[in-house]
Amino acid sequence: MSEHKQPNEQSADLQANTRRKFLVKASTGITAGAIMATLPTKSVWATGIGNSMAASGHGSDTFGGVTLHLQDAQYLAANTTSNIATQRFSDVFGINAYQEDNGAITTYPNSTTLIQILTGMADTTTQDLGLYGPNNINLNLVIVYLNALLDASDSTITYPIINITNSFPFDTITNFASYLGTEAAARRITTASQLAALVSNPNQSLI
């Protein structure tokens, strides 16, 4: 006996299948597909998650997803509380901040803090723009992390990647930070490029 599904069941199946195809495309067709599949871009937030966010008060774009807005390093440096800003980069991401020394990639000490990365200042008087990292990877890791962290409390930021009631994209800020650090360690150059594109225009589709 064949199974007949109601229209709403068919619609749910179609949405699930479309989502699966998107994830397969992202993970097989792109060198670092995982980061593209999980970072909230227009492609991701045009899903049911994006629609639910839009329905709950966030503005929606023409794709039906959430219109994202990230704040830059200067804003974050001025508006992040000191207990967060002084966290060590290594504690947040599980890796040391990258450093480029005469073309060789090394790392900064594990005592390097988020505020040092954001400001490019080794201390109150010593500027070290190398703290941004090769292709700004350190800086953009911190920018993306802090925007995700502050989304719930800062009305100028729209970056709802942390959803404690749903494991997608991430259920905690700690898991998100760990994911970013893992991607940076495994695919530094590609991750740096993707993060730079995301920070530059969070509403673009990376697929």
Protein backbone atom coordinates (compact mmCIF):
# COMPACT_ATOMS: atom_id res chain seq x y z
CA MET A 1 0.00 0.00 0.00
CA SER A 2 1.40 3.37 -0.97
CA GLU A 3 1.65 6.09 1.64
CA HIS A 4 -0.22 9.30 0.90
CA LYS A 5 1.12 12.41 2.60
CA GLN A 6 -0.82 15.52 3.40
CA PRO A 7 0.32 18.80 1.73
CA ASN A 8 1.91 20.10 4.94
CA GLU A 9 3.89 16.87 5.32
CA GLN A 10 5.06 17.11 1.71
CA SER A 11 6.14 20.70 2.33
CA ALA A 12 8.15 19.70 5.42
CA ASP A 13 9.84 16.91 3.46
CA LEU A 14 10.68 19.31 0.65
CA GLN A 15 12.21 21.80 3.07
CA ALA A 16 14.27 19.09 4.76
CA ASN A 17 15.48 17.77 1.41
CA THR A 18 16.39 21.26 0.24
CA ARG A 19 18.38 21.81 3.44
CA ARG A 20 20.21 18.50 2.99
CA LYS A 21 21.10 19.41 -0.60
CA PHE A 22 22.43 22.76 0.57
CA LEU A 23 24.65 21.15 3.19
CA VAL A 24 25.94 18.56 0.72
CA LYS A 25 26.70 21.26 -1.82
CA ALA A 26 28.50 23.34 0.79
CA SER A 27 30.54 20.47 2.17
CA THR A 28 31.54 18.85 -1.13
CA GLY A 29 31.82 21.72 -3.55
CA ILE A 30 33.97 24.06 -1.49
CA THR A 31 37.33 23.49 0.13
CA ALA A 32 36.14 24.52 3.58
CA GLY A 33 32.45 23.87 3.11
CA ALA A 34 31.72 23.33 6.78
CA ILE A 35 32.38 26.92 7.75
CA MET A 36 30.27 28.20 4.89
CA ALA A 37 27.44 25.87 5.79
CA THR A 38 27.27 26.97 9.41
CA LEU A 39 28.23 30.63 9.46
CA PRO A 40 25.04 32.67 9.08
CA THR A 41 24.95 34.12 5.60
CA LYS A 42 21.99 34.87 3.38
CA SER A 43 22.09 31.29 2.12
CA VAL A 44 21.78 29.86 5.62
CA TRP A 45 19.34 32.35 7.08
CA ALA A 46 16.90 31.96 4.21
CA THR A 47 15.93 28.70 5.93
CA GLY A 48 13.23 28.20 8.52
CA ILE A 49 15.62 29.45 11.19
CA GLY A 50 15.97 32.75 9.39
CA ASN A 51 12.24 33.02 8.90
CA SER A 52 11.56 32.40 12.58
CA MET A 53 14.10 35.06 13.54
CA ALA A 54 12.44 37.49 11.15
CA ALA A 55 9.03 36.71 12.59
CA SER A 56 10.30 37.36 16.09
CA GLY A 57 11.32 40.92 15.34
CA HIS A 58 14.42 40.96 13.17
CA GLY A 59 14.03 42.68 9.79
CA SER A 60 14.01 40.34 6.82
CA ASP A 61 15.56 40.78 3.41
CA THR A 62 14.16 39.87 0.01
CA PHE A 63 15.41 36.30 0.45
CA GLY A 64 13.23 35.81 3.51
CA GLY A 65 16.23 35.56 5.80
CA VAL A 66 17.55 37.81 8.51
CA THR A 67 19.37 40.98 7.53
CA LEU A 68 22.62 40.70 9.45
CA HIS A 69 24.63 43.58 10.86
CA LEU A 70 28.07 43.22 12.41
CA GLN A 71 29.96 45.89 14.31
CA ASP A 72 33.62 46.57 13.55
CA ALA A 73 36.73 46.32 15.71
CA GLN A 74 36.64 49.95 16.84
CA TYR A 75 33.05 49.68 18.05
CA LEU A 76 33.69 46.35 19.76
CA ALA A 77 36.80 47.63 21.51
CA ALA A 78 34.79 50.52 22.93
CA ASN A 79 31.65 48.58 23.83
CA THR A 80 32.85 45.21 25.12
CA THR A 81 33.11 44.95 28.89
CA SER A 82 36.60 44.60 30.28
CA ASN A 83 36.04 41.11 31.68
CA ILE A 84 35.31 39.90 28.14
CA ALA A 85 37.85 42.07 26.34
CA THR A 86 40.68 40.88 28.57
CA GLN A 87 39.97 37.21 27.93
CA ARG A 88 42.90 35.39 26.40
CA PHE A 89 42.60 34.59 22.71
CA SER A 90 43.90 31.08 23.41
CA ASP A 91 41.26 30.48 26.08
CA VAL A 92 38.46 31.53 23.73
CA PHE A 93 39.50 29.77 20.52
CA GLY A 94 41.73 26.97 21.76
CA ILE A 95 44.62 28.14 19.59
CA ASN A 96 47.22 30.88 19.90
CA ALA A 97 46.88 33.98 17.75
CA TYR A 98 48.77 33.71 14.48
CA GLN A 99 51.82 35.81 13.77
CA GLU A 100 53.69 36.30 10.50
CA ASP A 101 57.43 36.78 10.92
CA ASN A 102 59.39 37.40 7.71
CA GLY A 103 57.02 35.17 5.77
CA ALA A 104 56.98 32.40 8.37
CA ILE A 105 53.81 31.70 10.33
CA THR A 106 54.33 31.49 14.08
CA THR A 107 52.07 32.39 17.01
CA TYR A 108 51.81 35.01 19.70
CA PRO A 109 52.12 34.01 23.38
CA ASN A 110 49.03 32.41 24.88
CA SER A 111 48.65 35.47 27.12
CA THR A 112 47.51 37.58 24.14
CA THR A 113 44.06 39.05 24.83
CA LEU A 114 41.04 39.88 22.70
CA ILE A 115 41.47 43.61 23.28
CA GLN A 116 45.06 43.45 22.07
CA ILE A 117 43.82 41.82 18.86
CA LEU A 118 40.99 44.34 18.42
CA THR A 119 43.20 47.39 18.90
CA GLY A 120 46.49 46.16 17.46
CA MET A 121 48.18 47.38 20.63
CA ALA A 122 50.57 45.11 22.51
CA ASP A 123 50.18 47.41 25.52
CA THR A 124 48.99 50.97 26.16
CA THR A 125 51.88 52.51 24.22
CA THR A 126 53.16 49.84 21.81
CA GLN A 127 51.39 49.38 18.51
CA ASP A 128 51.69 45.99 16.83
CA LEU A 129 49.35 45.64 13.87
CA GLY A 130 50.77 42.17 13.37
CA LEU A 131 48.34 41.21 16.12
CA TYR A 132 45.62 41.26 13.46
CA GLY A 133 47.24 38.12 12.06
CA PRO A 134 47.99 37.01 8.50
CA ASN A 135 45.13 38.22 6.30
CA ASN A 136 43.52 39.60 9.49
CA ILE A 137 42.53 36.14 10.66
CA ASN A 138 43.00 36.90 14.37
CA LEU A 139 41.07 40.15 14.10
CA ASN A 140 38.18 38.65 12.18
CA LEU A 141 37.93 35.67 14.51
CA VAL A 142 37.51 38.09 17.40
CA ILE A 143 35.06 40.30 15.49
CA VAL A 144 32.83 37.38 14.54
CA TYR A 145 32.99 35.90 18.04
CA LEU A 146 32.12 39.16 19.81
CA ASN A 147 29.28 39.97 17.43
CA ALA A 148 27.79 36.54 18.15
CA LEU A 149 28.28 37.04 21.87
CA LEU A 150 26.78 40.55 21.97
CA ASP A 151 23.89 39.93 19.57
CA ALA A 152 21.39 39.34 22.36
CA SER A 153 22.30 42.46 24.33
CA ASP A 154 23.34 45.04 21.71
CA SER A 155 20.56 46.40 19.51
CA THR A 156 23.03 47.57 16.85
CA ILE A 157 24.16 43.99 16.17
CA THR A 158 22.11 41.38 14.31
CA TYR A 159 24.03 38.13 14.30
CA PRO A 160 21.80 35.44 15.87
CA ILE A 161 24.04 32.43 15.33
CA ILE A 162 23.68 31.28 18.96
CA ASN A 163 20.36 29.54 19.51
CA ILE A 164 20.17 27.73 22.84
CA THR A 165 16.90 26.02 21.91
CA ASN A 166 18.28 24.56 18.69
CA SER A 167 21.66 22.95 18.02
CA PHE A 168 21.83 24.67 14.61
CA PRO A 169 23.81 26.71 14.02
CA PHE A 170 25.34 26.64 17.57
CA ASP A 171 23.77 26.19 20.96
CA THR A 172 26.47 28.01 22.95
CA ILE A 173 29.03 30.72 22.33
CA THR A 174 31.71 28.35 23.60
CA ASN A 175 30.91 25.78 20.92
CA PHE A 176 30.93 28.49 18.27
CA ALA A 177 34.33 29.77 19.39
CA SER A 178 35.71 26.23 19.49
CA TYR A 179 34.42 25.63 15.97
CA LEU A 180 36.06 28.81 14.68
CA GLY A 181 39.37 27.89 16.30
CA THR A 182 39.25 24.39 14.84
CA GLU A 183 38.55 25.72 11.34
CA ALA A 184 41.37 28.27 11.64
CA ALA A 185 43.80 25.57 12.73
CA ALA A 186 42.80 23.18 9.95
CA ARG A 187 42.36 25.65 7.07
CA ARG A 188 43.99 28.91 8.06
CA ILE A 189 44.19 30.59 4.64
CA THR A 190 40.69 29.61 3.50
CA THR A 191 39.15 30.46 6.86
CA ALA A 192 40.88 33.85 6.86
CA SER A 193 39.44 34.59 3.43
CA GLN A 194 35.93 33.48 4.37
CA LEU A 195 35.90 35.45 7.61
CA ALA A 196 37.16 38.55 5.81
CA ALA A 197 34.32 38.24 3.30
CA LEU A 198 31.78 37.68 6.07
CA VAL A 199 32.93 40.71 8.08
CA SER A 200 33.03 42.86 4.95
CA ASN A 201 29.50 41.96 3.88
CA PRO A 202 27.62 39.59 6.22
CA ASN A 203 24.57 39.47 3.97
CA GLN A 204 26.32 38.13 0.91
CA SER A 205 25.90 34.55 -0.14
CA LEU A 206 29.15 32.62 0.08
CA ILE A 207 27.75 29.67 -1.83
